[in-house]
């Protein structure tokens, strides 16, 4: 069953330090000023933080599901996914990994020690614990 923006919103807003913002008619989720998730205007595509050095392999492995950002956004740690192509478990992994990339390591460690990811070995993800250039524009 395809994932909805409401499911993503419910997960993103329960994460420590995360909040929702409306920027140029687009829903985005941030930690501080760093965007870790964003929806297309029609809410069919979700952009999410993802390590630059791994994104080409991700897109090449599943091009019907994932796509690279536009040329102007290639400098960011960013990938797009069609919401209709993922299930709840995959959405959860993508959201948690994107969030983990932009919060301090202590915040992520506390969340995973106490939260829903505590017993999930699949949440080790690519997070660096530092902001780098995660966010897409705005």
N, C-alpha and C. Protein backbone atom coordinates (compact mmCIF):
# COMPACT_ATOMS: atom_id res chain seq x y z
N UNK A 1 0.84 -1.19 0.00
CA UNK A 1 0.00 0.00 0.00
C UNK A 1 0.88 1.25 0.00
N UNK A 2 0.61 2.21 -0.87
CA UNK A 2 1.45 3.41 -0.95
C UNK A 2 1.43 4.21 0.36
N UNK A 3 2.51 4.89 0.58
CA UNK A 3 2.65 5.74 1.76
C UNK A 3 1.99 7.09 1.49
N UNK A 4 1.38 7.65 2.51
CA UNK A 4 0.76 8.97 2.38
C UNK A 4 1.62 10.03 3.07
N UNK A 5 1.40 11.27 2.70
CA UNK A 5 2.13 12.36 3.36
C UNK A 5 1.76 12.44 4.84
N UNK A 6 0.54 12.06 5.17
CA UNK A 6 0.13 12.08 6.57
C UNK A 6 0.92 11.07 7.41
N UNK A 7 1.22 9.91 6.84
CA UNK A 7 2.05 8.93 7.55
C UNK A 7 3.46 9.46 7.77
N UNK A 8 4.00 10.10 6.75
CA UNK A 8 5.34 10.68 6.87
C UNK A 8 5.33 11.78 7.92
N UNK A 9 4.34 12.65 7.85
CA UNK A 9 4.20 13.76 8.81
C UNK A 9 4.12 13.23 10.23
N UNK A 10 3.31 12.21 10.45
CA UNK A 10 3.16 11.66 11.81
C UNK A 10 4.49 11.16 12.36
N UNK A 11 5.27 10.50 11.53
CA UNK A 11 6.57 10.01 11.97
C UNK A 11 7.55 11.17 12.18
N UNK A 12 7.65 12.05 11.20
CA UNK A 12 8.63 13.14 11.27
C UNK A 12 8.41 14.04 12.49
N UNK A 13 7.15 14.34 12.79
CA UNK A 13 6.87 15.26 13.89
C UNK A 13 7.07 14.66 15.27
N UNK A 14 7.22 13.35 15.36
CA UNK A 14 7.50 12.74 16.66
C UNK A 14 9.00 12.72 16.96
N UNK A 15 9.82 13.06 15.98
CA UNK A 15 11.27 13.01 16.15
C UNK A 15 11.76 14.24 16.92
N UNK A 16 12.67 14.05 17.85
CA UNK A 16 13.19 15.18 18.62
C UNK A 16 13.78 16.25 17.71
N UNK A 17 13.46 17.50 18.03
CA UNK A 17 13.95 18.70 17.35
C UNK A 17 13.39 18.90 15.96
N UNK A 18 12.55 18.02 15.47
CA UNK A 18 11.99 18.15 14.11
C UNK A 18 10.74 19.02 14.15
N UNK A 19 10.57 19.82 13.09
CA UNK A 19 9.35 20.62 12.95
C UNK A 19 9.02 20.79 11.47
N UNK A 20 7.77 21.14 11.22
CA UNK A 20 7.28 21.31 9.85
C UNK A 20 7.31 22.78 9.47
N UNK A 21 7.63 23.04 8.21
CA UNK A 21 7.63 24.41 7.69
C UNK A 21 7.03 24.40 6.29
N UNK A 22 6.37 25.46 5.93
CA UNK A 22 5.85 25.64 4.58
C UNK A 22 6.72 26.67 3.89
N UNK A 23 7.43 26.25 2.84
CA UNK A 23 8.35 27.12 2.12
C UNK A 23 7.99 27.09 0.64
N UNK A 24 7.62 28.23 0.10
CA UNK A 24 7.24 28.33 -1.32
C UNK A 24 6.21 27.25 -1.69
N UNK A 25 5.17 27.15 -0.88
CA UNK A 25 4.07 26.20 -1.11
C UNK A 25 4.50 24.74 -1.03
N UNK A 26 5.60 24.45 -0.38
CA UNK A 26 6.06 23.07 -0.23
C UNK A 26 6.25 22.77 1.24
N UNK A 27 5.78 21.60 1.66
CA UNK A 27 5.94 21.14 3.04
C UNK A 27 7.34 20.59 3.20
N UNK A 28 8.04 21.08 4.24
CA UNK A 28 9.38 20.61 4.54
C UNK A 28 9.48 20.32 6.03
N UNK A 29 10.37 19.40 6.36
CA UNK A 29 10.62 19.08 7.76
C UNK A 29 12.07 19.39 8.06
N UNK A 30 12.27 20.08 9.17
CA UNK A 30 13.59 20.58 9.52
C UNK A 30 13.99 20.19 10.93
N UNK A 31 15.30 20.25 11.12
CA UNK A 31 15.91 20.27 12.44
C UNK A 31 16.74 21.54 12.43
N UNK A 32 16.38 22.50 13.25
CA UNK A 32 17.01 23.81 13.16
C UNK A 32 16.71 24.39 11.78
N UNK A 33 17.75 24.77 11.05
CA UNK A 33 17.55 25.31 9.71
C UNK A 33 17.80 24.27 8.63
N UNK A 34 18.12 23.05 9.03
CA UNK A 34 18.47 22.00 8.08
C UNK A 34 17.23 21.21 7.68
N UNK A 35 16.97 21.15 6.40
CA UNK A 35 15.84 20.38 5.86
C UNK A 35 16.28 18.93 5.73
N UNK A 36 15.48 18.01 6.31
CA UNK A 36 15.80 16.59 6.14
C UNK A 36 14.76 15.85 5.32
N UNK A 37 13.59 16.44 5.12
CA UNK A 37 12.53 15.88 4.27
C UNK A 37 11.78 17.03 3.60
N UNK A 38 11.30 16.79 2.40
CA UNK A 38 10.46 17.76 1.71
C UNK A 38 9.56 17.03 0.72
N UNK A 39 8.38 17.56 0.51
CA UNK A 39 7.45 16.99 -0.46
C UNK A 39 7.38 17.86 -1.70
N UNK A 40 7.14 17.22 -2.84
CA UNK A 40 6.85 17.98 -4.06
C UNK A 40 5.53 18.70 -3.84
N UNK A 41 5.26 19.70 -4.66
CA UNK A 41 4.02 20.46 -4.49
C UNK A 41 2.78 19.58 -4.59
N UNK A 42 2.83 18.56 -5.44
CA UNK A 42 1.68 17.65 -5.57
C UNK A 42 1.72 16.50 -4.55
N UNK A 43 2.74 16.49 -3.71
CA UNK A 43 2.91 15.52 -2.62
C UNK A 43 2.99 14.07 -3.08
N UNK A 44 3.52 13.86 -4.27
CA UNK A 44 3.72 12.50 -4.77
C UNK A 44 5.17 12.04 -4.64
N UNK A 45 6.07 13.01 -4.43
CA UNK A 45 7.50 12.71 -4.32
C UNK A 45 8.01 13.29 -3.01
N UNK A 46 8.86 12.52 -2.34
CA UNK A 46 9.48 12.99 -1.11
C UNK A 46 10.99 13.10 -1.33
N UNK A 47 11.53 14.27 -1.07
CA UNK A 47 12.98 14.44 -1.05
C UNK A 47 13.46 14.15 0.35
N UNK A 48 14.64 13.54 0.46
CA UNK A 48 15.14 13.20 1.79
C UNK A 48 16.65 13.25 1.81
N UNK A 49 17.19 13.52 2.97
CA UNK A 49 18.64 13.55 3.14
C UNK A 49 19.21 12.16 2.96
N UNK A 50 20.32 12.10 2.21
CA UNK A 50 20.96 10.82 1.92
C UNK A 50 22.41 11.12 1.54
N UNK A 51 23.36 10.28 1.97
CA UNK A 51 24.77 10.55 1.68
C UNK A 51 25.05 10.67 0.18
N UNK A 52 25.76 11.73 -0.19
CA UNK A 52 26.09 11.97 -1.60
C UNK A 52 26.82 10.79 -2.22
N UNK A 53 27.75 10.21 -1.48
CA UNK A 53 28.59 9.15 -2.05
C UNK A 53 27.84 7.85 -2.28
N UNK A 54 26.61 7.74 -1.77
CA UNK A 54 25.83 6.51 -1.94
C UNK A 54 24.61 6.68 -2.84
N UNK A 55 24.28 7.90 -3.18
CA UNK A 55 23.01 8.12 -3.89
C UNK A 55 22.99 7.59 -5.32
N UNK A 56 24.10 7.65 -6.04
CA UNK A 56 24.11 7.13 -7.42
C UNK A 56 23.81 5.64 -7.43
N UNK A 57 24.37 4.91 -6.48
CA UNK A 57 24.11 3.47 -6.39
C UNK A 57 22.65 3.20 -6.03
N UNK A 58 22.09 4.01 -5.13
CA UNK A 58 20.69 3.84 -4.74
C UNK A 58 19.77 4.04 -5.94
N UNK A 59 19.99 5.10 -6.68
CA UNK A 59 19.15 5.40 -7.85
C UNK A 59 19.35 4.35 -8.94
N UNK A 60 20.59 3.93 -9.16
CA UNK A 60 20.86 2.92 -10.20
C UNK A 60 20.21 1.58 -9.86
N UNK A 61 20.16 1.25 -8.58
CA UNK A 61 19.57 -0.03 -8.15
C UNK A 61 18.06 -0.07 -8.33
N UNK A 62 17.39 1.07 -8.15
CA UNK A 62 15.93 1.12 -8.24
C UNK A 62 15.48 2.42 -8.89
N UNK A 63 15.74 2.58 -10.19
CA UNK A 63 15.42 3.85 -10.87
C UNK A 63 13.93 4.14 -10.99
N UNK A 64 13.08 3.14 -10.85
CA UNK A 64 11.64 3.38 -10.89
C UNK A 64 11.13 3.92 -9.57
N UNK A 65 11.95 3.83 -8.55
CA UNK A 65 11.58 4.27 -7.20
C UNK A 65 12.29 5.57 -6.82
N UNK A 66 13.60 5.62 -7.05
CA UNK A 66 14.42 6.75 -6.62
C UNK A 66 14.90 7.58 -7.80
N UNK A 67 15.15 8.86 -7.55
CA UNK A 67 15.73 9.74 -8.58
C UNK A 67 16.63 10.77 -7.92
N UNK A 68 17.57 11.26 -8.72
CA UNK A 68 18.46 12.30 -8.24
C UNK A 68 17.73 13.64 -8.24
N UNK A 69 18.18 14.57 -7.41
CA UNK A 69 17.58 15.90 -7.43
C UNK A 69 17.97 16.64 -8.71
N UNK A 70 17.36 17.77 -8.94
CA UNK A 70 17.70 18.60 -10.09
C UNK A 70 19.15 19.06 -10.02
N UNK A 71 19.67 19.50 -11.14
CA UNK A 71 21.07 19.92 -11.24
C UNK A 71 21.47 20.92 -10.17
N UNK A 72 20.62 21.88 -9.90
CA UNK A 72 20.92 22.90 -8.90
C UNK A 72 21.00 22.38 -7.49
N UNK A 73 20.44 21.21 -7.23
CA UNK A 73 20.43 20.65 -5.88
C UNK A 73 21.41 19.49 -5.70
N UNK A 74 22.22 19.21 -6.70
CA UNK A 74 23.16 18.09 -6.60
C UNK A 74 24.24 18.33 -5.55
N UNK A 75 24.43 19.57 -5.13
CA UNK A 75 25.44 19.85 -4.11
C UNK A 75 24.99 19.40 -2.72
N UNK A 76 23.71 19.14 -2.56
CA UNK A 76 23.18 18.72 -1.27
C UNK A 76 23.16 17.20 -1.14
N UNK A 77 23.10 16.73 0.07
CA UNK A 77 22.91 15.31 0.37
C UNK A 77 21.42 15.04 0.20
N UNK A 78 20.98 14.71 -1.02
CA UNK A 78 19.54 14.70 -1.30
C UNK A 78 19.20 13.69 -2.37
N UNK A 79 18.08 12.98 -2.21
CA UNK A 79 17.55 12.04 -3.19
C UNK A 79 16.03 12.17 -3.15
N UNK A 80 15.37 11.81 -4.22
CA UNK A 80 13.90 11.80 -4.28
C UNK A 80 13.39 10.36 -4.36
N UNK A 81 12.20 10.15 -3.80
CA UNK A 81 11.53 8.85 -3.89
C UNK A 81 10.05 9.09 -4.19
N UNK A 82 9.50 8.24 -5.04
CA UNK A 82 8.06 8.30 -5.31
C UNK A 82 7.34 7.62 -4.14
N UNK A 83 6.44 8.32 -3.48
CA UNK A 83 5.75 7.75 -2.32
C UNK A 83 4.94 6.51 -2.69
N UNK A 84 4.44 6.46 -3.91
CA UNK A 84 3.64 5.31 -4.33
C UNK A 84 4.48 4.05 -4.49
N UNK A 85 5.80 4.20 -4.49
CA UNK A 85 6.69 3.05 -4.72
C UNK A 85 7.27 2.46 -3.44
N UNK A 86 6.94 3.04 -2.29
CA UNK A 86 7.50 2.52 -1.03
C UNK A 86 6.39 2.14 -0.06
N UNK A 87 6.74 1.26 0.86
CA UNK A 87 5.79 0.87 1.90
C UNK A 87 6.16 1.59 3.20
N UNK A 88 5.39 1.34 4.23
CA UNK A 88 5.58 2.04 5.51
C UNK A 88 6.95 1.75 6.11
N UNK A 89 7.40 0.50 6.03
CA UNK A 89 8.70 0.15 6.62
C UNK A 89 9.84 0.88 5.93
N UNK A 90 9.80 0.95 4.60
CA UNK A 90 10.87 1.64 3.88
C UNK A 90 10.81 3.14 4.14
N UNK A 91 9.61 3.71 4.19
CA UNK A 91 9.46 5.13 4.50
C UNK A 91 10.06 5.43 5.87
N UNK A 92 9.78 4.57 6.82
CA UNK A 92 10.29 4.77 8.17
C UNK A 92 11.82 4.79 8.17
N UNK A 93 12.42 3.86 7.48
CA UNK A 93 13.88 3.80 7.41
C UNK A 93 14.45 5.06 6.75
N UNK A 94 13.86 5.50 5.65
CA UNK A 94 14.35 6.69 4.95
C UNK A 94 14.23 7.95 5.82
N UNK A 95 13.09 8.10 6.48
CA UNK A 95 12.86 9.27 7.33
C UNK A 95 13.83 9.27 8.51
N UNK A 96 13.94 8.14 9.20
CA UNK A 96 14.83 8.09 10.37
C UNK A 96 16.28 8.32 9.99
N UNK A 97 16.72 7.75 8.88
CA UNK A 97 18.11 7.95 8.45
C UNK A 97 18.37 9.40 8.05
N UNK A 98 17.41 10.03 7.38
CA UNK A 98 17.57 11.44 6.99
C UNK A 98 17.63 12.33 8.23
N UNK A 99 16.75 12.07 9.18
CA UNK A 99 16.73 12.84 10.43
C UNK A 99 18.03 12.65 11.20
N UNK A 100 18.49 11.42 11.27
CA UNK A 100 19.71 11.11 12.03
C UNK A 100 20.92 11.86 11.47
N UNK A 101 20.92 12.16 10.17
CA UNK A 101 22.05 12.87 9.56
C UNK A 101 22.18 14.30 10.05
N UNK A 102 21.11 14.88 10.61
CA UNK A 102 21.17 16.30 10.95
C UNK A 102 20.96 16.61 12.43
N UNK A 103 20.89 15.60 13.27
CA UNK A 103 20.83 15.86 14.71
C UNK A 103 22.15 15.43 15.34
N UNK A 104 22.47 16.00 16.50
CA UNK A 104 23.67 15.54 17.20
C UNK A 104 23.58 14.05 17.51
N UNK A 105 24.73 13.39 17.51
CA UNK A 105 24.77 11.95 17.75
C UNK A 105 24.09 11.56 19.06
N UNK A 106 24.23 12.39 20.09
CA UNK A 106 23.61 12.09 21.39
C UNK A 106 22.08 12.08 21.29
N UNK A 107 21.53 12.98 20.50
CA UNK A 107 20.07 13.05 20.33
C UNK A 107 19.58 11.78 19.63
N UNK A 108 20.25 11.41 18.55
CA UNK A 108 19.86 10.20 17.83
C UNK A 108 20.03 8.97 18.70
N UNK A 109 21.13 8.88 19.42
CA UNK A 109 21.38 7.71 20.27
C UNK A 109 20.30 7.58 21.34
N UNK A 110 19.91 8.69 21.94
CA UNK A 110 18.86 8.65 22.97
C UNK A 110 17.53 8.22 22.37
N UNK A 111 17.21 8.73 21.18
CA UNK A 111 15.95 8.36 20.53
C UNK A 111 15.92 6.86 20.22
N UNK A 112 17.00 6.34 19.66
CA UNK A 112 17.03 4.93 19.29
C UNK A 112 17.15 4.02 20.50
N UNK A 113 17.69 4.51 21.59
CA UNK A 113 17.77 3.71 22.82
C UNK A 113 16.39 3.60 23.47
N UNK A 114 15.59 4.67 23.36
CA UNK A 114 14.29 4.72 24.02
C UNK A 114 13.11 4.55 23.09
N UNK A 115 13.31 4.85 21.80
CA UNK A 115 12.19 4.94 20.87
C UNK A 115 11.94 3.69 20.06
N UNK A 116 11.15 3.84 18.99
CA UNK A 116 10.73 2.70 18.18
C UNK A 116 11.87 2.02 17.44
N UNK A 117 12.99 2.70 17.25
CA UNK A 117 14.12 2.09 16.56
C UNK A 117 15.04 1.31 17.49
N UNK A 118 14.71 1.24 18.77
CA UNK A 118 15.62 0.64 19.75
C UNK A 118 15.94 -0.82 19.46
N UNK A 119 14.97 -1.56 18.98
CA UNK A 119 15.19 -2.98 18.72
C UNK A 119 15.29 -3.31 17.25
N UNK A 120 15.40 -2.29 16.39
CA UNK A 120 15.41 -2.50 14.96
C UNK A 120 16.84 -2.44 14.42
N UNK A 121 17.42 -3.56 14.06
CA UNK A 121 18.80 -3.54 13.56
C UNK A 121 18.93 -2.84 12.22
N UNK A 122 17.83 -2.58 11.54
CA UNK A 122 17.88 -1.93 10.24
C UNK A 122 17.99 -0.41 10.32
N UNK A 123 18.14 0.15 11.53
CA UNK A 123 18.20 1.60 11.65
C UNK A 123 19.62 2.11 11.85
N UNK A 124 20.62 1.33 11.49
CA UNK A 124 21.99 1.80 11.61
C UNK A 124 22.29 2.89 10.60
N UNK A 125 21.72 2.82 9.41
CA UNK A 125 21.71 3.87 8.42
C UNK A 125 23.00 4.63 8.19
N UNK A 126 22.93 5.61 7.31
CA UNK A 126 24.11 6.34 6.88
C UNK A 126 24.42 7.58 7.68
N UNK A 127 23.69 7.85 8.77
CA UNK A 127 23.83 9.11 9.48
C UNK A 127 25.25 9.43 9.89
N UNK A 128 25.58 10.69 9.79
CA UNK A 128 26.91 11.14 10.16
C UNK A 128 26.91 11.85 11.49
N UNK A 129 25.72 12.23 11.97
CA UNK A 129 25.64 12.96 13.22
C UNK A 129 25.96 14.44 13.07
N UNK A 130 26.31 14.88 11.89
CA UNK A 130 26.62 16.29 11.66
C UNK A 130 25.85 16.80 10.48
N UNK A 131 25.68 18.13 10.38
CA UNK A 131 24.83 18.67 9.35
C UNK A 131 25.41 18.62 7.93
N UNK A 132 26.69 18.77 7.75
CA UNK A 132 27.25 18.78 6.40
C UNK A 132 26.45 19.71 5.50
N UNK A 133 26.11 19.26 4.32
CA UNK A 133 25.24 20.00 3.42
C UNK A 133 24.03 19.15 3.13
N UNK A 134 23.29 18.79 4.16
CA UNK A 134 22.17 17.89 4.01
C UNK A 134 21.03 18.52 3.25
N UNK A 135 20.62 19.67 3.69
CA UNK A 135 19.35 20.23 3.26
C UNK A 135 19.33 20.65 1.80
N UNK A 136 18.16 20.44 1.22
CA UNK A 136 17.89 21.00 -0.09
C UNK A 136 17.61 22.48 0.09
N UNK A 137 17.29 23.20 -0.94
CA UNK A 137 17.08 24.62 -0.85
C UNK A 137 15.88 24.98 0.04
N UNK A 138 16.02 26.04 0.81
CA UNK A 138 14.95 26.63 1.58
C UNK A 138 14.51 25.83 2.70
